[in-house]
């Protein structure tokens, strides 16, 4: 492990959509690479919990949105969202929950280094669900893990998303049939014995980007291991929730996070 993982190298203020939340673009170290991300912190100096926001997509698909992380910060968290390596001026190449998971691990350490941060919660959307679970496994001290429309099985993603197969073969280095171990390494279902944080699963049943089967597999596996897990399933929603319902779920999940005690 690189001893400087999570070290902050540069900070640049960014215009915030919320007058009570400060946004900062951070350059930090991840395994020797200069990686970028965005920090959203409520104005003030009072201690509060950290919130590691792990986005979905890859490259320019699913970029971190300032308004989204400011929304979570407004609920009373210090939020950090890594862009992942190779994005928005960062070094290296994103590889879909391969070595770029270290960017999430280093981001967790970055949050731990902030004087205002108490416990740290981990949140992942879409592909970020895999990143969130892997980070929770890596850091047993995590206060909670939330996956929203989250991937839990990379082989299932390959089978379901024909439009992603070319990218996945290029980035991962082949198909699940030829290289099953490469997909298993990116699939947290095989490592959940090591997870101690409580998990909340949020999923739209009509999701065609990440099928609800990902959520069902994750919940079944966690329950079989007698791990703490809650599942919130929304029968009428797809991968993207309508704005009003989205805001309500944000409020509810942040309340859920704050209710978790280590």
Protein backbone atom coordinates (compact mmCIF):
# COMPACT_ATOMS: atom_id res chain seq x y z
CA UNK A 1 0.00 0.00 0.00
CA UNK A 2 1.16 3.51 -0.79
CA UNK A 3 1.58 5.41 2.46
CA UNK A 4 0.39 8.68 0.93
CA UNK A 5 -2.93 7.32 -0.37
CA UNK A 6 -5.58 9.96 0.28
CA UNK A 7 -3.10 12.81 0.72
CA UNK A 8 -4.53 16.10 -0.51
CA UNK A 9 -2.26 17.83 -3.05
CA UNK A 10 -4.41 20.72 -4.25
CA UNK A 11 -7.72 22.38 -3.44
CA UNK A 12 -9.69 24.72 -5.69
CA UNK A 13 -13.00 26.33 -4.76
CA UNK A 14 -15.94 25.57 -7.08
CA UNK A 15 -19.22 27.54 -7.41
CA UNK A 16 -21.87 25.93 -5.22
CA UNK A 17 -25.58 25.67 -6.03
CA UNK A 18 -26.31 25.87 -2.29
CA UNK A 19 -25.27 28.97 -0.28
CA UNK A 20 -24.88 26.82 2.84
CA UNK A 21 -22.55 24.26 1.23
CA UNK A 22 -18.99 24.86 0.04
CA UNK A 23 -17.69 22.91 -2.96
CA UNK A 24 -13.99 22.23 -3.53
CA UNK A 25 -12.21 20.34 -6.30
CA UNK A 26 -9.55 18.17 -4.66
CA UNK A 27 -6.46 16.61 -6.21
CA UNK A 28 -5.31 13.67 -4.11
CA UNK A 29 -2.99 10.70 -4.31
CA UNK A 30 -4.12 7.18 -5.17
CA UNK A 31 -1.32 4.63 -5.62
CA UNK A 32 1.00 7.33 -6.89
CA UNK A 33 -1.55 8.83 -9.29
CA UNK A 34 -2.92 12.33 -9.03
CA UNK A 35 -6.68 11.78 -8.99
CA UNK A 36 -9.42 14.37 -8.71
CA UNK A 37 -12.72 14.54 -6.86
CA UNK A 38 -15.18 16.99 -5.35
CA UNK A 39 -15.71 17.81 -1.68
CA UNK A 40 -19.03 19.24 -0.46
CA UNK A 41 -19.08 20.53 3.11
CA UNK A 42 -21.72 22.47 5.02
CA UNK A 43 -20.34 25.87 6.01
CA UNK A 44 -19.10 25.93 9.60
CA UNK A 45 -16.69 23.97 11.75
CA UNK A 46 -18.93 21.58 13.66
CA UNK A 47 -18.02 17.86 13.45
CA UNK A 48 -20.28 15.64 11.34
CA UNK A 49 -20.24 12.28 9.62
CA UNK A 50 -18.44 11.75 6.33
CA UNK A 51 -20.18 10.54 3.19
CA UNK A 52 -18.18 8.83 0.43
CA UNK A 53 -20.14 9.24 -2.81
CA UNK A 54 -19.19 6.71 -5.48
CA UNK A 55 -20.66 7.52 -8.87
CA UNK A 56 -21.73 5.14 -11.60
CA UNK A 57 -20.85 4.95 -15.26
CA UNK A 58 -17.42 5.23 -16.77
CA UNK A 59 -15.51 8.18 -18.27
CA UNK A 60 -17.97 10.91 -19.26
CA UNK A 61 -21.02 8.74 -18.59
CA UNK A 62 -22.22 9.26 -15.03
CA UNK A 63 -19.96 12.17 -14.06
CA UNK A 64 -20.16 13.59 -10.54
CA UNK A 65 -22.81 16.31 -10.43
CA UNK A 66 -22.13 19.20 -8.01
CA UNK A 67 -25.83 19.64 -7.31
CA UNK A 68 -26.16 16.00 -6.29
CA UNK A 69 -23.35 15.94 -3.76
CA UNK A 70 -24.43 19.35 -2.43
CA UNK A 71 -27.86 17.79 -1.89
CA UNK A 72 -26.36 15.10 0.35
CA UNK A 73 -24.15 17.62 2.15
CA UNK A 74 -27.24 19.69 2.94
CA UNK A 75 -28.54 16.69 4.91
CA UNK A 76 -25.66 17.13 7.36
CA UNK A 77 -22.66 15.29 5.89
CA UNK A 78 -19.20 16.13 4.62
CA UNK A 79 -19.31 14.52 1.19
CA UNK A 80 -16.41 13.49 -1.03
CA UNK A 81 -16.95 12.15 -4.54
CA UNK A 82 -13.92 10.84 -6.44
CA UNK A 83 -13.96 11.30 -10.20
CA UNK A 84 -11.83 8.12 -10.53
CA UNK A 85 -8.49 7.99 -12.30
CA UNK A 86 -8.18 9.37 -15.81
CA UNK A 87 -11.17 11.69 -15.51
CA UNK A 88 -11.41 15.49 -15.55
CA UNK A 89 -7.65 15.99 -15.49
CA UNK A 90 -6.73 13.08 -13.25
CA UNK A 91 -3.92 10.66 -14.09
CA UNK A 92 -4.29 7.00 -15.05
CA UNK A 93 -7.12 5.07 -16.70
CA UNK A 94 -10.46 4.08 -15.19
CA UNK A 95 -11.01 0.31 -15.36
CA UNK A 96 -14.52 -0.38 -14.05
CA UNK A 97 -13.93 -1.51 -10.44
CA UNK A 98 -10.49 -2.98 -11.11
CA UNK A 99 -7.50 -0.96 -9.94
CA UNK A 100 -9.63 2.17 -9.85
CA UNK A 101 -11.25 0.83 -6.68
CA UNK A 102 -8.08 2.14 -5.02
CA UNK A 103 -9.32 5.65 -5.85
CA UNK A 104 -12.34 4.96 -3.63
CA UNK A 105 -10.13 3.45 -0.91
CA UNK A 106 -7.85 6.50 -0.98
CA UNK A 107 -10.92 8.76 -0.90
CA UNK A 108 -12.09 7.00 2.27
CA UNK A 109 -8.69 7.75 3.82
CA UNK A 110 -8.95 11.35 2.65
CA UNK A 111 -12.26 11.75 4.50
CA UNK A 112 -10.74 10.14 7.60
CA UNK A 113 -7.97 12.75 7.53
CA UNK A 114 -10.40 15.68 7.76
CA UNK A 115 -10.65 17.11 11.26
CA UNK A 116 -14.42 17.66 11.11
CA UNK A 117 -15.25 14.10 10.02
CA UNK A 118 -16.53 11.53 12.50
CA UNK A 119 -17.84 8.20 11.18
CA UNK A 120 -17.84 7.59 7.43
CA UNK A 121 -20.75 6.22 5.40
CA UNK A 122 -20.35 4.84 1.89
CA UNK A 123 -22.85 5.39 -0.92
CA UNK A 124 -22.75 3.95 -4.42
CA UNK A 125 -25.03 4.55 -7.40
CA UNK A 126 -25.21 2.14 -10.35
CA UNK A 127 -21.66 0.86 -11.04
CA UNK A 128 -20.75 2.72 -7.85
CA UNK A 129 -22.64 0.02 -5.96
CA UNK A 130 -19.78 -2.38 -6.61
CA UNK A 131 -17.27 0.27 -5.57
CA UNK A 132 -19.22 0.97 -2.36
CA UNK A 133 -19.38 -2.68 -1.36
CA UNK A 134 -15.70 -3.27 -2.12
CA UNK A 135 -14.80 -0.18 -0.07
CA UNK A 136 -16.98 -1.34 2.81
CA UNK A 137 -15.26 -4.72 2.72
CA UNK A 138 -11.85 -3.02 2.73
CA UNK A 139 -12.71 -0.72 5.65
CA UNK A 140 -14.52 -2.64 8.42
CA UNK A 141 -14.84 0.61 10.37
CA UNK A 142 -17.29 2.03 7.79
CA UNK A 143 -20.51 3.12 9.51
CA UNK A 144 -22.84 1.94 6.72
CA UNK A 145 -23.03 1.09 3.03
CA UNK A 146 -25.88 2.16 0.72
CA UNK A 147 -26.30 0.98 -2.86
CA UNK A 148 -28.89 2.71 -5.06
CA UNK A 149 -29.62 1.00 -8.36
CA UNK A 150 -26.31 -0.70 -7.65
CA UNK A 151 -24.41 -3.37 -9.56
CA UNK A 152 -23.51 -6.35 -7.41
CA UNK A 153 -22.48 -8.92 -10.04
CA UNK A 154 -20.20 -7.96 -12.93
CA UNK A 155 -20.92 -11.15 -14.89
CA UNK A 156 -24.63 -10.39 -14.72
CA UNK A 157 -23.95 -6.87 -16.01
CA UNK A 158 -22.05 -8.31 -18.97
CA UNK A 159 -24.94 -10.67 -19.77
CA UNK A 160 -27.65 -8.04 -19.41
CA UNK A 161 -26.03 -5.02 -21.04
CA UNK A 162 -25.18 -5.86 -24.63
CA UNK A 163 -24.35 -2.18 -25.18
CA UNK A 164 -21.57 -2.38 -22.56
CA UNK A 165 -19.94 -5.63 -23.68
CA UNK A 166 -17.39 -4.07 -26.02
CA UNK A 167 -16.26 -1.65 -23.30
CA UNK A 168 -16.17 -4.36 -20.63
CA UNK A 169 -14.13 -6.71 -22.82
CA UNK A 170 -11.65 -3.92 -23.51
CA UNK A 171 -11.36 -2.63 -19.96
CA UNK A 172 -11.58 -5.94 -18.07
CA UNK A 173 -9.59 -7.86 -20.66
CA UNK A 174 -11.98 -10.41 -22.12
CA UNK A 175 -15.35 -12.07 -21.54
CA UNK A 176 -16.65 -13.79 -18.38
CA UNK A 177 -16.49 -17.10 -20.21
CA UNK A 178 -12.77 -16.78 -20.96
CA UNK A 179 -11.70 -14.91 -17.83
CA UNK A 180 -14.25 -15.63 -15.06
CA UNK A 181 -11.73 -14.72 -12.37
CA UNK A 182 -11.44 -11.13 -13.69
CA UNK A 183 -15.18 -10.65 -13.29
CA UNK A 184 -15.27 -12.39 -9.92
CA UNK A 185 -12.55 -10.03 -8.65
CA UNK A 186 -14.91 -7.15 -9.43
CA UNK A 187 -17.94 -8.88 -7.86
CA UNK A 188 -18.31 -8.23 -4.11
CA UNK A 189 -20.83 -11.06 -3.67
CA UNK A 190 -17.87 -13.41 -3.23
CA UNK A 191 -16.34 -11.37 -0.40
CA UNK A 192 -19.31 -10.36 1.75
CA UNK A 193 -18.11 -12.49 4.67
CA UNK A 194 -15.63 -9.66 5.32
CA UNK A 195 -18.29 -6.92 5.41
CA UNK A 196 -19.34 -5.72 8.85
CA UNK A 197 -21.21 -2.47 8.08
CA UNK A 198 -25.02 -2.51 7.82
CA UNK A 199 -26.24 -2.33 4.21
CA UNK A 200 -29.20 -0.53 2.66
CA UNK A 201 -30.28 -1.58 -0.83
CA UNK A 202 -32.44 0.83 -2.90
CA UNK A 203 -33.67 -0.31 -6.29
CA UNK A 204 -36.37 0.39 -8.85
CA UNK A 205 -38.01 -2.85 -9.91
CA UNK A 206 -38.38 -1.58 -13.50
CA UNK A 207 -34.68 -0.71 -13.75
CA UNK A 208 -33.34 -1.72 -17.18
CA UNK A 209 -29.84 -0.28 -16.69
CA UNK A 210 -29.08 -2.41 -13.62
CA UNK A 211 -31.73 -5.08 -13.18
CA UNK A 212 -33.33 -5.59 -9.78
CA UNK A 213 -31.77 -9.07 -9.81
CA UNK A 214 -28.53 -7.39 -8.69
CA UNK A 215 -30.33 -6.16 -5.56
CA UNK A 216 -32.01 -9.52 -4.94
CA UNK A 217 -28.72 -11.41 -5.22
CA UNK A 218 -27.02 -9.00 -2.86
CA UNK A 219 -29.80 -9.16 -0.28
CA UNK A 220 -30.02 -12.99 -0.43
CA UNK A 221 -26.28 -13.33 0.04
CA UNK A 222 -26.17 -10.88 2.96
CA UNK A 223 -29.12 -12.58 4.68
CA UNK A 224 -27.55 -16.01 4.20
CA UNK A 225 -24.49 -14.66 6.03
CA UNK A 226 -26.74 -13.09 8.72
CA UNK A 227 -25.44 -9.62 7.89
CA UNK A 228 -27.56 -6.54 8.72
CA UNK A 229 -29.42 -5.46 5.57
CA UNK A 230 -32.51 -3.47 4.61
CA UNK A 231 -34.08 -3.46 1.15
CA UNK A 232 -36.20 -0.64 -0.26
CA UNK A 233 -37.78 -1.68 -3.54
CA UNK A 234 -39.87 0.67 -5.67
CA UNK A 235 -42.13 -1.24 -8.04
CA UNK A 236 -42.99 1.75 -10.26
CA UNK A 237 -39.49 3.20 -10.80
CA UNK A 238 -36.62 2.58 -13.24
CA UNK A 239 -32.93 3.45 -12.80
CA UNK A 240 -33.85 7.10 -12.32
CA UNK A 241 -36.45 8.22 -9.80
CA UNK A 242 -38.73 11.24 -10.42
CA UNK A 243 -37.43 14.43 -8.71
CA UNK A 244 -39.97 14.57 -5.88
CA UNK A 245 -39.55 10.90 -4.97
CA UNK A 246 -35.78 11.21 -5.39
CA UNK A 247 -35.63 13.99 -2.79
CA UNK A 248 -37.77 11.95 -0.39
CA UNK A 249 -35.51 8.88 -0.76
CA UNK A 250 -32.44 11.07 -0.17
CA UNK A 251 -33.99 12.32 3.07
CA UNK A 252 -34.96 8.82 4.13
CA UNK A 253 -31.61 7.18 3.35
CA UNK A 254 -29.63 9.89 5.16
CA UNK A 255 -31.87 9.39 8.21
CA UNK A 256 -31.22 5.66 7.92
CA UNK A 257 -27.46 6.31 7.83
CA UNK A 258 -27.60 8.49 10.93
CA UNK A 259 -29.51 5.77 12.79
CA UNK A 260 -26.76 3.20 12.25
CA UNK A 261 -24.57 2.68 15.29
CA UNK A 262 -21.24 0.89 15.19
